[in-house]
């Protein structure tokens, strides 16, 4: 199973392409606003509005043999702990080796933004190269999860 934290996810179509290629079911989990896919392997799961509801839904279900697509670091940490493979939108895999550092960096950046109101946003634009790295990373994660 591939779980996609689908709210504001820029790689839903790419994830569907990989899922279809491998004949793996995929769940797009969101608070709404997504149209159902005609692909029989893809299900859109609508969860109630609220903070982290989609994250909790995914974390309760993801485990060994599953792949989770998210940039939400706390969600990624829960999924890694449960044995799932986790990949970010830019293709970076989050694993037992690097999830601690990712959590620490997230917390540090949160503190920096909170202490300086002028340090908001400023991230780089999502590029074709990011999408390519994502597809490569998801491809590797799905193959590894199948073994």
C-alpha atoms as a PDB file:
ATOM      1  CA  UNK A   1       0.000   0.000   0.000  1.00  0.00           C
ATOM      2  CA  UNK A   2       1.125   3.526  -0.752  1.00  0.00           C
ATOM      3  CA  UNK A   3      -0.295   6.195   1.555  1.00  0.00           C
ATOM      4  CA  UNK A   4      -0.068   9.788   0.358  1.00  0.00           C
ATOM      5  CA  UNK A   5      -0.485  12.713   2.737  1.00  0.00           C
ATOM      6  CA  UNK A   6      -2.370  14.386  -0.089  1.00  0.00           C
ATOM      7  CA  UNK A   7      -3.230  17.878   1.167  1.00  0.00           C
ATOM      8  CA  UNK A   8      -0.919  20.214  -0.808  1.00  0.00           C
ATOM      9  CA  UNK A   9       1.070  17.258  -2.178  1.00  0.00           C
ATOM     10  CA  UNK A  10       2.701  18.211  -5.506  1.00  0.00           C
ATOM     11  CA  UNK A  11       3.433  14.624  -6.610  1.00  0.00           C
ATOM     12  CA  UNK A  12       0.056  12.853  -6.498  1.00  0.00           C
ATOM     13  CA  UNK A  13       0.062  12.123 -10.236  1.00  0.00           C
ATOM     14  CA  UNK A  14       3.638  10.798 -10.120  1.00  0.00           C
ATOM     15  CA  UNK A  15       2.777   8.559  -7.159  1.00  0.00           C
ATOM     16  CA  UNK A  16      -0.236   7.219  -9.059  1.00  0.00           C
ATOM     17  CA  UNK A  17       1.983   6.441 -12.060  1.00  0.00           C
ATOM     18  CA  UNK A  18       4.365   4.391  -9.899  1.00  0.00           C
ATOM     19  CA  UNK A  19       1.494   2.654  -8.062  1.00  0.00           C
ATOM     20  CA  UNK A  20      -0.113   1.701 -11.374  1.00  0.00           C
ATOM     21  CA  UNK A  21       3.171   0.436 -12.798  1.00  0.00           C
ATOM     22  CA  UNK A  22       3.635  -1.870  -9.788  1.00  0.00           C
ATOM     23  CA  UNK A  23      -0.081  -2.692  -9.401  1.00  0.00           C
ATOM     24  CA  UNK A  24      -0.004  -1.425  -5.806  1.00  0.00           C
ATOM     25  CA  UNK A  25      -3.011   0.126  -4.099  1.00  0.00           C
ATOM     26  CA  UNK A  26      -2.706   3.786  -3.159  1.00  0.00           C
ATOM     27  CA  UNK A  27      -4.705   5.888  -0.719  1.00  0.00           C
ATOM     28  CA  UNK A  28      -4.743   9.676  -1.087  1.00  0.00           C
ATOM     29  CA  UNK A  29      -5.637  10.945   2.394  1.00  0.00           C
ATOM     30  CA  UNK A  30      -6.992  14.497   2.614  1.00  0.00           C
ATOM     31  CA  UNK A  31      -9.495  16.839   4.261  1.00  0.00           C
ATOM     32  CA  UNK A  32     -11.289  17.385   0.954  1.00  0.00           C
ATOM     33  CA  UNK A  33     -10.874  19.150  -2.329  1.00  0.00           C
ATOM     34  CA  UNK A  34      -9.589  16.180  -4.331  1.00  0.00           C
ATOM     35  CA  UNK A  35     -11.560  14.527  -7.062  1.00  0.00           C
ATOM     36  CA  UNK A  36     -11.778  10.742  -7.023  1.00  0.00           C
ATOM     37  CA  UNK A  37      -9.439   8.994  -9.432  1.00  0.00           C
ATOM     38  CA  UNK A  38     -10.843   6.717 -12.134  1.00  0.00           C
ATOM     39  CA  UNK A  39      -7.898   4.399 -11.411  1.00  0.00           C
ATOM     40  CA  UNK A  40      -9.216   1.323  -9.534  1.00  0.00           C
ATOM     41  CA  UNK A  41      -5.946   1.142  -7.564  1.00  0.00           C
ATOM     42  CA  UNK A  42      -6.381   4.670  -6.172  1.00  0.00           C
ATOM     43  CA  UNK A  43      -8.792   5.570  -3.396  1.00  0.00           C
ATOM     44  CA  UNK A  44      -9.290   9.084  -2.072  1.00  0.00           C
ATOM     45  CA  UNK A  45      -9.890   8.981   1.682  1.00  0.00           C
ATOM     46  CA  UNK A  46     -11.607  12.063   3.071  1.00  0.00           C
ATOM     47  CA  UNK A  47     -11.005  12.670   6.768  1.00  0.00           C
ATOM     48  CA  UNK A  48     -12.732  15.285   8.943  1.00  0.00           C
ATOM     49  CA  UNK A  49     -11.262  18.779   9.189  1.00  0.00           C
ATOM     50  CA  UNK A  50      -8.926  19.301  12.080  1.00  0.00           C
ATOM     51  CA  UNK A  51      -5.262  19.495  12.915  1.00  0.00           C
ATOM     52  CA  UNK A  52      -3.331  16.376  11.966  1.00  0.00           C
ATOM     53  CA  UNK A  53      -6.436  14.235  11.309  1.00  0.00           C
ATOM     54  CA  UNK A  54      -5.048  12.951   7.992  1.00  0.00           C
ATOM     55  CA  UNK A  55      -1.671  12.321   9.639  1.00  0.00           C
ATOM     56  CA  UNK A  56      -3.270  10.294  12.439  1.00  0.00           C
ATOM     57  CA  UNK A  57      -5.292   8.280   9.914  1.00  0.00           C
ATOM     58  CA  UNK A  58      -2.145   7.338   8.018  1.00  0.00           C
ATOM     59  CA  UNK A  59      -0.055   6.685  11.154  1.00  0.00           C
ATOM     60  CA  UNK A  60      -2.694   4.267  12.508  1.00  0.00           C
ATOM     61  CA  UNK A  61      -2.518   2.147   9.350  1.00  0.00           C
ATOM     62  CA  UNK A  62       1.003   2.320   7.913  1.00  0.00           C
ATOM     63  CA  UNK A  63       3.388  -0.493   8.730  1.00  0.00           C
ATOM     64  CA  UNK A  64       5.869  -2.970   7.263  1.00  0.00           C
ATOM     65  CA  UNK A  65       5.450  -3.336   3.509  1.00  0.00           C
ATOM     66  CA  UNK A  66       3.833   0.081   3.141  1.00  0.00           C
ATOM     67  CA  UNK A  67       5.229   3.286   1.634  1.00  0.00           C
ATOM     68  CA  UNK A  68       4.206   6.715   2.950  1.00  0.00           C
ATOM     69  CA  UNK A  69       4.619   9.917   0.923  1.00  0.00           C
ATOM     70  CA  UNK A  70       4.809  12.975   3.174  1.00  0.00           C
ATOM     71  CA  UNK A  71       6.873  15.999   4.152  1.00  0.00           C
ATOM     72  CA  UNK A  72       5.325  16.028   7.624  1.00  0.00           C
ATOM     73  CA  UNK A  73       8.267  15.021   9.808  1.00  0.00           C
ATOM     74  CA  UNK A  74       6.299  13.946  12.931  1.00  0.00           C
ATOM     75  CA  UNK A  75       4.086  11.753  10.709  1.00  0.00           C
ATOM     76  CA  UNK A  76       7.184  10.360   9.024  1.00  0.00           C
ATOM     77  CA  UNK A  77       8.708   9.513  12.419  1.00  0.00           C
ATOM     78  CA  UNK A  78       5.594   7.554  13.460  1.00  0.00           C
ATOM     79  CA  UNK A  79       5.529   5.671  10.156  1.00  0.00           C
ATOM     80  CA  UNK A  80       9.250   4.846  10.271  1.00  0.00           C
ATOM     81  CA  UNK A  81       8.784   3.580  13.833  1.00  0.00           C
ATOM     82  CA  UNK A  82       5.901   1.379  12.615  1.00  0.00           C
ATOM     83  CA  UNK A  83       8.153  -0.147   9.933  1.00  0.00           C
ATOM     84  CA  UNK A  84       6.874   1.687   6.847  1.00  0.00           C
ATOM     85  CA  UNK A  85       9.133   3.223   4.235  1.00  0.00           C
ATOM     86  CA  UNK A  86       8.800   7.009   4.014  1.00  0.00           C
ATOM     87  CA  UNK A  87       9.680   9.293   1.134  1.00  0.00           C
ATOM     88  CA  UNK A  88       9.446  13.072   0.865  1.00  0.00           C
ATOM     89  CA  UNK A  89       8.190  14.925  -2.227  1.00  0.00           C
ATOM     90  CA  UNK A  90      11.753  15.606  -3.360  1.00  0.00           C
ATOM     91  CA  UNK A  91      12.680  11.907  -3.308  1.00  0.00           C
ATOM     92  CA  UNK A  92      14.554  11.914   0.006  1.00  0.00           C
ATOM     93  CA  UNK A  93      13.927   8.758   2.024  1.00  0.00           C
ATOM     94  CA  UNK A  94      13.361   9.165   5.755  1.00  0.00           C
ATOM     95  CA  UNK A  95      14.680   6.181   7.666  1.00  0.00           C
ATOM     96  CA  UNK A  96      15.662   5.120  11.171  1.00  0.00           C
ATOM     97  CA  UNK A  97      19.095   6.583  10.418  1.00  0.00           C
ATOM     98  CA  UNK A  98      18.020  10.118   9.574  1.00  0.00           C
ATOM     99  CA  UNK A  99      14.584  10.676  11.150  1.00  0.00           C
ATOM    100  CA  UNK A 100      16.060  11.932  14.439  1.00  0.00           C
ATOM    101  CA  UNK A 101      18.078  14.579  12.645  1.00  0.00           C
ATOM    102  CA  UNK A 102      15.041  15.542  10.542  1.00  0.00           C
ATOM    103  CA  UNK A 103      12.953  15.999  13.712  1.00  0.00           C
ATOM    104  CA  UNK A 104      15.673  18.091  15.341  1.00  0.00           C
ATOM    105  CA  UNK A 105      16.044  20.290  12.246  1.00  0.00           C
ATOM    106  CA  UNK A 106      12.275  20.754  12.042  1.00  0.00           C
ATOM    107  CA  UNK A 107      12.119  21.818  15.685  1.00  0.00           C
ATOM    108  CA  UNK A 108      15.052  24.200  15.252  1.00  0.00           C
ATOM    109  CA  UNK A 109      13.505  25.837  12.180  1.00  0.00           C
ATOM    110  CA  UNK A 110      10.168  26.153  13.972  1.00  0.00           C
ATOM    111  CA  UNK A 111      11.891  27.951  16.854  1.00  0.00           C
ATOM    112  CA  UNK A 112      13.790  30.246  14.457  1.00  0.00           C
ATOM    113  CA  UNK A 113      10.619  31.206  12.590  1.00  0.00           C
ATOM    114  CA  UNK A 114       8.782  31.817  15.863  1.00  0.00           C
ATOM    115  CA  UNK A 115      11.515  34.111  17.154  1.00  0.00           C
ATOM    116  CA  UNK A 116      11.876  36.149  13.945  1.00  0.00           C
ATOM    117  CA  UNK A 117       8.609  37.189  12.274  1.00  0.00           C
ATOM    118  CA  UNK A 118      10.517  38.205   9.135  1.00  0.00           C
ATOM    119  CA  UNK A 119      11.903  34.677   8.626  1.00  0.00           C
ATOM    120  CA  UNK A 120       8.800  33.196   7.002  1.00  0.00           C
ATOM    121  CA  UNK A 121       8.593  31.010   3.924  1.00  0.00           C
ATOM    122  CA  UNK A 122      11.394  31.528   1.471  1.00  0.00           C
ATOM    123  CA  UNK A 123      11.640  27.922   0.307  1.00  0.00           C
ATOM    124  CA  UNK A 124      12.729  27.128  -3.219  1.00  0.00           C
ATOM    125  CA  UNK A 125      10.193  26.369  -5.923  1.00  0.00           C
ATOM    126  CA  UNK A 126       9.319  22.730  -6.646  1.00  0.00           C
ATOM    127  CA  UNK A 127      11.066  21.762  -9.881  1.00  0.00           C
ATOM    128  CA  UNK A 128      10.956  19.085 -12.575  1.00  0.00           C
ATOM    129  CA  UNK A 129      14.189  17.734 -11.102  1.00  0.00           C
ATOM    130  CA  UNK A 130      12.426  17.346  -7.729  1.00  0.00           C
ATOM    131  CA  UNK A 131       9.629  15.378  -9.416  1.00  0.00           C
ATOM    132  CA  UNK A 132      12.168  13.188 -11.174  1.00  0.00           C
ATOM    133  CA  UNK A 133      14.005  12.495  -7.901  1.00  0.00           C
ATOM    134  CA  UNK A 134      10.666  11.720  -6.261  1.00  0.00           C
ATOM    135  CA  UNK A 135       9.693   9.187  -8.924  1.00  0.00           C
ATOM    136  CA  UNK A 136      13.099   7.516  -8.669  1.00  0.00           C
ATOM    137  CA  UNK A 137      12.910   7.441  -4.878  1.00  0.00           C
ATOM    138  CA  UNK A 138       9.339   6.109  -4.830  1.00  0.00           C
ATOM    139  CA  UNK A 139      10.252   3.472  -7.399  1.00  0.00           C
ATOM    140  CA  UNK A 140      13.082   2.258  -5.127  1.00  0.00           C
ATOM    141  CA  UNK A 141      10.864   2.380  -2.026  1.00  0.00           C
ATOM    142  CA  UNK A 142       8.060   0.355  -3.657  1.00  0.00           C
ATOM    143  CA  UNK A 143      10.494  -2.266  -4.921  1.00  0.00           C
ATOM    144  CA  UNK A 144      12.106  -2.557  -1.492  1.00  0.00           C
ATOM    145  CA  UNK A 145       8.710  -2.767   0.247  1.00  0.00           C
ATOM    146  CA  UNK A 146       7.691  -5.642  -2.012  1.00  0.00           C
ATOM    147  CA  UNK A 147      10.605  -7.787  -0.849  1.00  0.00           C
END
